[in-house]
């Protein structure tokens, strides 16, 4: 969790002309701790609140459903804390439908849900492109290719039902 939000902090601060004094000071304090340690989650959340409270910030998190449940809870709770002090921050989260209830629970009143469903034709087109790029075309006969183009789009569509 520290890694995800630390990376986000790095990206936000990296886009600024000057690193805010509070952020520099916080990192210096961490270096001075015995053995020097990296900032902890509450420290990173506080730093993100500091930098995002004064400028428009857009955050995109992909594949939230692939994040372990305990990490997902911490991430969503941290994002909620950031949103509470950063009214100009917008967060775009992508994940499979089964995490929607959790997102709604953790970010209640601060989100709009927009389902995005892959179209079977889009999946088929993507597969055709990838099959055309195959460097060993002789390894597959027409029957196997037909099965791939039929079964994968069907199974993908079921994942989002």
N, C-alpha and C. Protein backbone atom coordinates (compact mmCIF):
# COMPACT_ATOMS: atom_id res chain seq x y z
N UNK A 1 0.81 -1.18 0.00
CA UNK A 1 0.00 0.00 0.00
C UNK A 1 0.86 1.25 0.00
N UNK A 2 1.90 1.23 0.82
CA UNK A 2 2.83 2.35 0.87
C UNK A 2 3.43 2.56 -0.51
N UNK A 3 3.70 1.47 -1.22
CA UNK A 3 4.30 1.57 -2.55
C UNK A 3 3.39 2.27 -3.54
N UNK A 4 2.11 1.93 -3.53
CA UNK A 4 1.16 2.54 -4.48
C UNK A 4 1.02 4.03 -4.19
N UNK A 5 0.74 4.37 -2.92
CA UNK A 5 0.54 5.78 -2.59
C UNK A 5 1.85 6.56 -2.64
N UNK A 6 2.96 5.90 -2.32
CA UNK A 6 4.27 6.55 -2.44
C UNK A 6 4.57 6.88 -3.88
N UNK A 7 4.23 5.98 -4.79
CA UNK A 7 4.41 6.22 -6.21
C UNK A 7 3.53 7.37 -6.68
N UNK A 8 2.30 7.39 -6.19
CA UNK A 8 1.39 8.48 -6.52
C UNK A 8 1.96 9.82 -6.04
N UNK A 9 2.47 9.84 -4.81
CA UNK A 9 3.08 11.06 -4.27
C UNK A 9 4.25 11.50 -5.13
N UNK A 10 5.08 10.56 -5.51
CA UNK A 10 6.24 10.85 -6.36
C UNK A 10 5.80 11.48 -7.69
N UNK A 11 4.74 10.94 -8.27
CA UNK A 11 4.25 11.46 -9.54
C UNK A 11 3.67 12.86 -9.40
N UNK A 12 2.90 13.07 -8.34
CA UNK A 12 2.29 14.39 -8.13
C UNK A 12 3.38 15.43 -7.88
N UNK A 13 4.30 15.12 -6.98
CA UNK A 13 5.37 16.07 -6.65
C UNK A 13 6.29 16.27 -7.86
N UNK A 14 6.53 15.21 -8.62
CA UNK A 14 7.38 15.31 -9.81
C UNK A 14 6.83 16.26 -10.86
N UNK A 15 5.52 16.47 -10.86
CA UNK A 15 4.91 17.37 -11.82
C UNK A 15 4.88 18.82 -11.34
N UNK A 16 5.37 19.05 -10.15
CA UNK A 16 5.37 20.42 -9.61
C UNK A 16 6.69 21.12 -9.93
N UNK A 17 6.64 22.42 -10.01
CA UNK A 17 7.87 23.19 -10.28
C UNK A 17 8.85 23.08 -9.12
N UNK A 18 8.31 23.07 -7.90
CA UNK A 18 9.16 23.02 -6.71
C UNK A 18 8.52 22.09 -5.70
N UNK A 19 9.36 21.30 -5.03
CA UNK A 19 8.85 20.39 -4.00
C UNK A 19 8.44 21.24 -2.80
N UNK A 20 7.20 21.08 -2.34
CA UNK A 20 6.75 21.86 -1.19
C UNK A 20 7.64 21.62 0.03
N UNK A 21 7.84 22.66 0.80
CA UNK A 21 8.71 22.60 1.99
C UNK A 21 8.27 21.51 2.96
N UNK A 22 6.96 21.35 3.17
CA UNK A 22 6.46 20.34 4.11
C UNK A 22 6.88 18.93 3.69
N UNK A 23 6.90 18.69 2.38
CA UNK A 23 7.27 17.37 1.86
C UNK A 23 8.76 17.14 2.06
N UNK A 24 9.56 18.12 1.71
CA UNK A 24 11.02 18.00 1.90
C UNK A 24 11.34 17.77 3.36
N UNK A 25 10.69 18.53 4.24
CA UNK A 25 10.93 18.40 5.68
C UNK A 25 10.54 17.00 6.17
N UNK A 26 9.41 16.51 5.71
CA UNK A 26 8.94 15.18 6.14
C UNK A 26 9.94 14.09 5.73
N UNK A 27 10.48 14.19 4.53
CA UNK A 27 11.45 13.19 4.09
C UNK A 27 12.76 13.31 4.87
N UNK A 28 13.16 14.53 5.17
CA UNK A 28 14.38 14.72 5.98
C UNK A 28 14.19 14.13 7.37
N UNK A 29 13.02 14.32 7.96
CA UNK A 29 12.74 13.77 9.29
C UNK A 29 12.82 12.25 9.26
N UNK A 30 12.33 11.64 8.18
CA UNK A 30 12.37 10.18 8.07
C UNK A 30 13.81 9.69 7.96
N UNK A 31 14.66 10.44 7.26
CA UNK A 31 16.07 10.06 7.14
C UNK A 31 16.77 10.10 8.49
N UNK A 32 16.35 11.02 9.35
CA UNK A 32 16.99 11.20 10.65
C UNK A 32 16.54 10.18 11.69
N UNK A 33 15.46 9.46 11.41
CA UNK A 33 15.02 8.41 12.32
C UNK A 33 16.08 7.32 12.32
N UNK A 34 16.27 6.66 13.45
CA UNK A 34 17.30 5.63 13.59
C UNK A 34 17.28 4.69 12.39
N UNK A 35 18.38 4.63 11.70
CA UNK A 35 18.51 3.74 10.54
C UNK A 35 17.84 4.30 9.29
N UNK A 36 17.15 5.41 9.42
CA UNK A 36 16.44 5.98 8.28
C UNK A 36 15.37 5.03 7.80
N UNK A 37 14.16 5.46 7.80
CA UNK A 37 13.07 4.59 7.32
C UNK A 37 12.25 5.34 6.30
N UNK A 38 11.57 4.58 5.52
CA UNK A 38 10.68 5.19 4.55
C UNK A 38 9.44 5.67 5.27
N UNK A 39 8.77 6.66 4.70
CA UNK A 39 7.54 7.16 5.33
C UNK A 39 6.51 6.03 5.45
N UNK A 40 5.72 6.09 6.48
CA UNK A 40 4.64 5.12 6.68
C UNK A 40 3.38 5.63 6.00
N UNK A 41 2.39 4.75 5.91
CA UNK A 41 1.15 5.08 5.20
C UNK A 41 0.52 6.39 5.70
N UNK A 42 0.35 6.60 7.00
CA UNK A 42 -0.25 7.87 7.44
C UNK A 42 0.57 9.09 7.02
N UNK A 43 1.90 8.94 7.00
CA UNK A 43 2.77 10.04 6.57
C UNK A 43 2.53 10.37 5.09
N UNK A 44 2.45 9.33 4.28
CA UNK A 44 2.25 9.53 2.83
C UNK A 44 0.88 10.14 2.56
N UNK A 45 -0.14 9.65 3.27
CA UNK A 45 -1.49 10.20 3.08
C UNK A 45 -1.49 11.69 3.44
N UNK A 46 -0.84 12.04 4.55
CA UNK A 46 -0.78 13.44 4.95
C UNK A 46 -0.05 14.29 3.90
N UNK A 47 1.04 13.76 3.35
CA UNK A 47 1.77 14.49 2.30
C UNK A 47 0.91 14.65 1.05
N UNK A 48 0.18 13.59 0.69
CA UNK A 48 -0.71 13.69 -0.47
C UNK A 48 -1.81 14.70 -0.22
N UNK A 49 -2.34 14.73 1.00
CA UNK A 49 -3.36 15.73 1.34
C UNK A 49 -2.79 17.14 1.17
N UNK A 50 -1.54 17.31 1.60
CA UNK A 50 -0.90 18.62 1.50
C UNK A 50 -0.78 19.07 0.05
N UNK A 51 -0.24 18.21 -0.81
CA UNK A 51 0.00 18.64 -2.19
C UNK A 51 -1.26 18.68 -3.03
N UNK A 52 -2.23 17.83 -2.76
CA UNK A 52 -3.44 17.82 -3.59
C UNK A 52 -4.48 18.83 -3.14
N UNK A 53 -4.33 19.36 -1.94
CA UNK A 53 -5.33 20.32 -1.46
C UNK A 53 -5.24 21.65 -2.18
N UNK A 54 -4.13 21.91 -2.83
CA UNK A 54 -3.94 23.22 -3.47
C UNK A 54 -3.94 23.19 -4.99
N UNK A 55 -4.06 22.01 -5.57
CA UNK A 55 -4.04 21.97 -7.03
C UNK A 55 -4.92 20.84 -7.54
N UNK A 56 -5.47 21.01 -8.74
CA UNK A 56 -6.30 19.94 -9.30
C UNK A 56 -5.44 18.70 -9.52
N UNK A 57 -5.94 17.57 -9.07
CA UNK A 57 -5.19 16.32 -9.18
C UNK A 57 -6.11 15.24 -9.71
N UNK A 58 -5.61 14.48 -10.68
CA UNK A 58 -6.37 13.37 -11.24
C UNK A 58 -5.58 12.08 -10.98
N UNK A 59 -6.25 11.12 -10.36
CA UNK A 59 -5.63 9.86 -10.01
C UNK A 59 -6.35 8.75 -10.76
N UNK A 60 -5.59 7.85 -11.36
CA UNK A 60 -6.18 6.70 -12.05
C UNK A 60 -5.61 5.43 -11.44
N UNK A 61 -6.49 4.57 -10.98
CA UNK A 61 -6.08 3.30 -10.41
C UNK A 61 -6.72 2.19 -11.24
N UNK A 62 -5.89 1.38 -11.85
CA UNK A 62 -6.37 0.32 -12.72
C UNK A 62 -6.32 -1.01 -11.98
N UNK A 63 -7.25 -1.88 -12.29
CA UNK A 63 -7.30 -3.26 -11.79
C UNK A 63 -7.38 -3.33 -10.27
N UNK A 64 -8.23 -2.50 -9.68
CA UNK A 64 -8.40 -2.53 -8.22
C UNK A 64 -8.81 -3.92 -7.74
N UNK A 65 -9.54 -4.63 -8.55
CA UNK A 65 -9.99 -5.98 -8.18
C UNK A 65 -8.83 -6.96 -8.02
N UNK A 66 -7.68 -6.64 -8.58
CA UNK A 66 -6.52 -7.52 -8.46
C UNK A 66 -5.71 -7.24 -7.19
N UNK A 67 -6.09 -6.22 -6.47
CA UNK A 67 -5.42 -5.86 -5.23
C UNK A 67 -5.99 -6.74 -4.10
N UNK A 68 -5.13 -7.24 -3.24
CA UNK A 68 -5.59 -8.07 -2.11
C UNK A 68 -6.61 -7.28 -1.28
N UNK A 69 -7.60 -7.95 -0.75
CA UNK A 69 -8.69 -7.29 -0.04
C UNK A 69 -8.19 -6.37 1.07
N UNK A 70 -7.24 -6.82 1.88
CA UNK A 70 -6.75 -5.96 2.98
C UNK A 70 -6.07 -4.71 2.43
N UNK A 71 -5.34 -4.85 1.36
CA UNK A 71 -4.69 -3.69 0.74
C UNK A 71 -5.73 -2.76 0.10
N UNK A 72 -6.74 -3.37 -0.50
CA UNK A 72 -7.80 -2.59 -1.15
C UNK A 72 -8.52 -1.71 -0.13
N UNK A 73 -8.81 -2.28 1.04
CA UNK A 73 -9.48 -1.52 2.11
C UNK A 73 -8.61 -0.35 2.54
N UNK A 74 -7.32 -0.59 2.76
CA UNK A 74 -6.40 0.49 3.16
C UNK A 74 -6.29 1.55 2.08
N UNK A 75 -6.22 1.12 0.82
CA UNK A 75 -6.11 2.07 -0.28
C UNK A 75 -7.36 2.94 -0.36
N UNK A 76 -8.53 2.33 -0.34
CA UNK A 76 -9.77 3.09 -0.44
C UNK A 76 -9.94 4.03 0.75
N UNK A 77 -9.60 3.58 1.94
CA UNK A 77 -9.69 4.45 3.12
C UNK A 77 -8.72 5.62 3.00
N UNK A 78 -7.54 5.37 2.48
CA UNK A 78 -6.55 6.44 2.28
C UNK A 78 -7.04 7.44 1.25
N UNK A 79 -7.61 6.92 0.15
CA UNK A 79 -8.14 7.81 -0.88
C UNK A 79 -9.28 8.67 -0.32
N UNK A 80 -10.09 8.08 0.53
CA UNK A 80 -11.19 8.83 1.16
C UNK A 80 -10.62 9.98 1.99
N UNK A 81 -9.57 9.71 2.76
CA UNK A 81 -8.94 10.76 3.56
C UNK A 81 -8.40 11.88 2.68
N UNK A 82 -7.81 11.51 1.56
CA UNK A 82 -7.27 12.51 0.64
C UNK A 82 -8.40 13.36 0.06
N UNK A 83 -9.48 12.71 -0.34
CA UNK A 83 -10.61 13.44 -0.91
C UNK A 83 -11.24 14.41 0.09
N UNK A 84 -11.21 14.05 1.37
CA UNK A 84 -11.81 14.91 2.39
C UNK A 84 -11.14 16.27 2.49
N UNK A 85 -9.85 16.33 2.18
CA UNK A 85 -9.12 17.61 2.28
C UNK A 85 -8.75 18.16 0.90
N UNK A 86 -9.10 17.46 -0.15
CA UNK A 86 -8.69 17.87 -1.50
C UNK A 86 -9.89 17.88 -2.43
N UNK A 87 -10.71 18.93 -2.35
CA UNK A 87 -11.93 18.95 -3.16
C UNK A 87 -11.70 19.00 -4.66
N UNK A 88 -10.49 19.34 -5.09
CA UNK A 88 -10.21 19.42 -6.52
C UNK A 88 -9.57 18.13 -7.05
N UNK A 89 -9.53 17.11 -6.22
CA UNK A 89 -8.96 15.82 -6.63
C UNK A 89 -10.06 14.94 -7.19
N UNK A 90 -9.76 14.30 -8.30
CA UNK A 90 -10.69 13.35 -8.94
C UNK A 90 -9.98 12.02 -9.05
N UNK A 91 -10.70 10.95 -8.72
CA UNK A 91 -10.10 9.62 -8.75
C UNK A 91 -10.91 8.75 -9.71
N UNK A 92 -10.19 8.11 -10.62
CA UNK A 92 -10.79 7.21 -11.60
C UNK A 92 -10.31 5.81 -11.26
N UNK A 93 -11.24 4.94 -10.89
CA UNK A 93 -10.89 3.58 -10.48
C UNK A 93 -11.48 2.59 -11.48
N UNK A 94 -10.64 1.67 -11.92
CA UNK A 94 -11.08 0.63 -12.84
C UNK A 94 -10.99 -0.71 -12.12
N UNK A 95 -12.06 -1.49 -12.20
CA UNK A 95 -12.06 -2.80 -11.57
C UNK A 95 -13.28 -3.58 -12.02
N UNK A 96 -13.23 -4.86 -11.80
CA UNK A 96 -14.37 -5.70 -12.16
C UNK A 96 -15.55 -5.42 -11.23
N UNK A 97 -16.74 -5.77 -11.68
CA UNK A 97 -17.95 -5.41 -10.94
C UNK A 97 -18.01 -5.85 -9.47
N UNK A 98 -17.33 -6.93 -9.12
CA UNK A 98 -17.46 -7.43 -7.74
C UNK A 98 -16.84 -6.50 -6.69
N UNK A 99 -16.04 -5.50 -7.08
CA UNK A 99 -15.48 -4.57 -6.10
C UNK A 99 -16.31 -3.28 -5.98
N UNK A 100 -17.34 -3.18 -6.79
CA UNK A 100 -18.16 -1.96 -6.79
C UNK A 100 -18.75 -1.66 -5.43
N UNK A 101 -19.32 -2.66 -4.78
CA UNK A 101 -19.95 -2.44 -3.47
C UNK A 101 -18.93 -1.94 -2.45
N UNK A 102 -17.74 -2.47 -2.52
CA UNK A 102 -16.69 -2.04 -1.59
C UNK A 102 -16.28 -0.60 -1.86
N UNK A 103 -16.17 -0.23 -3.12
CA UNK A 103 -15.83 1.15 -3.47
C UNK A 103 -16.94 2.08 -3.00
N UNK A 104 -18.19 1.70 -3.25
CA UNK A 104 -19.32 2.52 -2.82
C UNK A 104 -19.34 2.68 -1.31
N UNK A 105 -19.03 1.62 -0.58
CA UNK A 105 -19.02 1.68 0.88
C UNK A 105 -17.92 2.63 1.37
N UNK A 106 -16.74 2.50 0.84
CA UNK A 106 -15.59 3.28 1.32
C UNK A 106 -15.60 4.73 0.84
N UNK A 107 -16.13 4.96 -0.36
CA UNK A 107 -16.13 6.31 -0.93
C UNK A 107 -17.54 6.85 -1.08
N UNK A 108 -18.42 6.44 -0.19
CA UNK A 108 -19.83 6.82 -0.26
C UNK A 108 -20.01 8.31 -0.46
N UNK A 109 -20.85 8.67 -1.41
CA UNK A 109 -21.15 10.06 -1.69
C UNK A 109 -20.06 10.79 -2.44
N UNK A 110 -18.97 10.12 -2.74
CA UNK A 110 -17.85 10.78 -3.42
C UNK A 110 -17.53 10.11 -4.76
N UNK A 111 -18.50 9.36 -5.28
CA UNK A 111 -18.20 8.62 -6.49
C UNK A 111 -19.40 8.55 -7.42
N UNK A 112 -19.09 8.34 -8.67
CA UNK A 112 -20.08 8.05 -9.69
C UNK A 112 -19.61 6.77 -10.35
N UNK A 113 -20.48 5.80 -10.46
CA UNK A 113 -20.10 4.52 -11.06
C UNK A 113 -20.57 4.48 -12.50
N UNK A 114 -19.66 4.11 -13.38
CA UNK A 114 -19.98 3.98 -14.79
C UNK A 114 -19.51 2.61 -15.25
N UNK A 115 -20.42 1.68 -15.46
CA UNK A 115 -20.00 0.36 -15.94
C UNK A 115 -19.45 0.44 -17.37
N UNK A 116 -18.38 -0.29 -17.58
CA UNK A 116 -17.77 -0.37 -18.90
C UNK A 116 -17.70 -1.85 -19.25
N UNK A 117 -18.42 -2.22 -20.26
CA UNK A 117 -18.45 -3.62 -20.67
C UNK A 117 -17.74 -3.79 -22.00
N UNK A 118 -16.85 -4.77 -22.08
CA UNK A 118 -16.21 -5.02 -23.38
C UNK A 118 -17.22 -5.60 -24.36
N UNK A 119 -17.11 -5.21 -25.57
CA UNK A 119 -17.99 -5.75 -26.61
C UNK A 119 -17.31 -6.96 -27.24
N UNK A 120 -18.11 -7.94 -27.53
CA UNK A 120 -17.58 -9.16 -28.12
C UNK A 120 -16.80 -8.87 -29.40
N UNK A 121 -17.32 -7.96 -30.21
CA UNK A 121 -16.64 -7.61 -31.46
C UNK A 121 -15.27 -6.98 -31.22
N UNK A 122 -15.14 -6.17 -30.15
CA UNK A 122 -13.85 -5.55 -29.83
C UNK A 122 -12.84 -6.62 -29.41
N UNK A 123 -13.30 -7.58 -28.64
CA UNK A 123 -12.41 -8.66 -28.19
C UNK A 123 -11.96 -9.50 -29.39
N UNK A 124 -12.90 -9.80 -30.26
CA UNK A 124 -12.59 -10.60 -31.46
C UNK A 124 -11.58 -9.85 -32.33
N UNK A 125 -11.80 -8.56 -32.52
CA UNK A 125 -10.88 -7.77 -33.34
C UNK A 125 -9.47 -7.76 -32.73
N UNK A 126 -9.40 -7.60 -31.42
CA UNK A 126 -8.10 -7.61 -30.74
C UNK A 126 -7.41 -8.97 -30.93
N UNK A 127 -8.16 -10.04 -30.77
CA UNK A 127 -7.59 -11.38 -30.94
C UNK A 127 -7.09 -11.59 -32.38
N UNK A 128 -7.86 -11.11 -33.37
CA UNK A 128 -7.43 -11.23 -34.76
C UNK A 128 -6.09 -10.52 -34.99
N UNK A 129 -5.98 -9.31 -34.42
CA UNK A 129 -4.72 -8.56 -34.55
C UNK A 129 -3.56 -9.34 -33.95
N UNK A 130 -3.77 -9.91 -32.77
CA UNK A 130 -2.71 -10.66 -32.11
C UNK A 130 -2.37 -11.94 -32.87
N UNK A 131 -3.37 -12.61 -33.40
CA UNK A 131 -3.12 -13.82 -34.18
C UNK A 131 -2.37 -13.50 -35.47
N UNK A 132 -2.67 -12.35 -36.06
CA UNK A 132 -1.95 -11.93 -37.27
C UNK A 132 -0.49 -11.62 -36.99
N UNK A 133 -0.17 -11.25 -35.77
CA UNK A 133 1.21 -10.93 -35.38
C UNK A 133 2.00 -12.17 -34.97
N UNK A 134 1.33 -13.32 -34.92
CA UNK A 134 1.98 -14.55 -34.48
C UNK A 134 3.20 -14.85 -35.36
N UNK A 135 4.32 -15.06 -34.71
CA UNK A 135 5.58 -15.32 -35.43
C UNK A 135 5.72 -16.78 -35.85
N UNK A 136 4.84 -17.64 -35.35
CA UNK A 136 4.87 -19.05 -35.75
C UNK A 136 3.47 -19.46 -36.22
N UNK A 137 3.03 -18.94 -37.35
CA UNK A 137 1.66 -19.21 -37.82
C UNK A 137 1.40 -20.68 -38.13
N UNK A 138 2.45 -21.43 -38.42
CA UNK A 138 2.26 -22.85 -38.74
C UNK A 138 1.92 -23.68 -37.51
N UNK A 139 2.08 -23.12 -36.33
CA UNK A 139 1.82 -23.86 -35.09
C UNK A 139 0.32 -23.97 -34.82
N UNK A 140 -0.49 -23.26 -35.57
CA UNK A 140 -1.93 -23.26 -35.31
C UNK A 140 -2.68 -23.56 -36.60
N UNK A 141 -3.62 -24.49 -36.50
CA UNK A 141 -4.45 -24.77 -37.66
C UNK A 141 -5.72 -23.90 -37.61
N UNK A 142 -6.49 -23.94 -38.67
CA UNK A 142 -7.69 -23.10 -38.76
C UNK A 142 -8.71 -23.43 -37.69
N UNK A 143 -8.79 -24.67 -37.30
CA UNK A 143 -9.75 -25.10 -36.28
C UNK A 143 -9.43 -24.46 -34.92
N UNK A 144 -8.13 -24.48 -34.56
CA UNK A 144 -7.73 -23.88 -33.28
C UNK A 144 -7.98 -22.37 -33.31
N UNK A 145 -7.64 -21.73 -34.39
CA UNK A 145 -7.87 -20.29 -34.51
C UNK A 145 -9.36 -19.98 -34.38
N UNK A 146 -10.20 -20.76 -35.02
CA UNK A 146 -11.66 -20.56 -34.93
C UNK A 146 -12.14 -20.72 -33.49
N UNK A 147 -11.61 -21.74 -32.79
CA UNK A 147 -11.98 -21.94 -31.38
C UNK A 147 -11.57 -20.75 -30.53
N UNK A 148 -10.38 -20.23 -30.75
CA UNK A 148 -9.90 -19.06 -30.00
C UNK A 148 -10.82 -17.87 -30.24
N UNK A 149 -11.15 -17.63 -31.52
CA UNK A 149 -11.98 -16.48 -31.86
C UNK A 149 -13.42 -16.63 -31.39
N UNK A 150 -13.84 -17.84 -31.09
CA UNK A 150 -15.21 -18.06 -30.62
C UNK A 150 -15.27 -18.09 -29.10
N UNK A 151 -14.39 -18.86 -28.47
CA UNK A 151 -14.52 -19.12 -27.02
C UNK A 151 -14.01 -17.99 -26.13
N UNK A 152 -12.92 -17.38 -26.48
CA UNK A 152 -12.37 -16.33 -25.62
C UNK A 152 -13.34 -15.14 -25.52
N UNK A 153 -13.88 -14.63 -26.62
CA UNK A 153 -14.84 -13.53 -26.47
C UNK A 153 -16.07 -13.90 -25.63
N UNK A 154 -16.54 -15.14 -25.76
CA UNK A 154 -17.69 -15.58 -24.96
C UNK A 154 -17.33 -15.57 -23.48
N UNK A 155 -16.17 -16.14 -23.14
CA UNK A 155 -15.75 -16.21 -21.74
C UNK A 155 -15.46 -14.82 -21.16
N UNK A 156 -14.91 -13.94 -21.97
CA UNK A 156 -14.63 -12.58 -21.50
C UNK A 156 -15.93 -11.86 -21.19
N UNK A 157 -16.92 -12.02 -22.04
CA UNK A 157 -18.20 -11.36 -21.82
C UNK A 157 -18.84 -11.84 -20.54
N UNK A 158 -18.68 -13.11 -20.21
CA UNK A 158 -19.24 -13.68 -18.99
C UNK A 158 -18.56 -13.11 -17.74
N UNK A 159 -17.29 -12.73 -17.84
CA UNK A 159 -16.56 -12.19 -16.70
C UNK A 159 -17.16 -10.88 -16.22
N UNK A 160 -17.82 -10.16 -17.11
CA UNK A 160 -18.34 -8.85 -16.77
C UNK A 160 -19.84 -8.86 -16.54
N UNK A 161 -20.43 -10.03 -16.54
CA UNK A 161 -21.88 -10.13 -16.35
C UNK A 161 -22.26 -9.97 -14.89
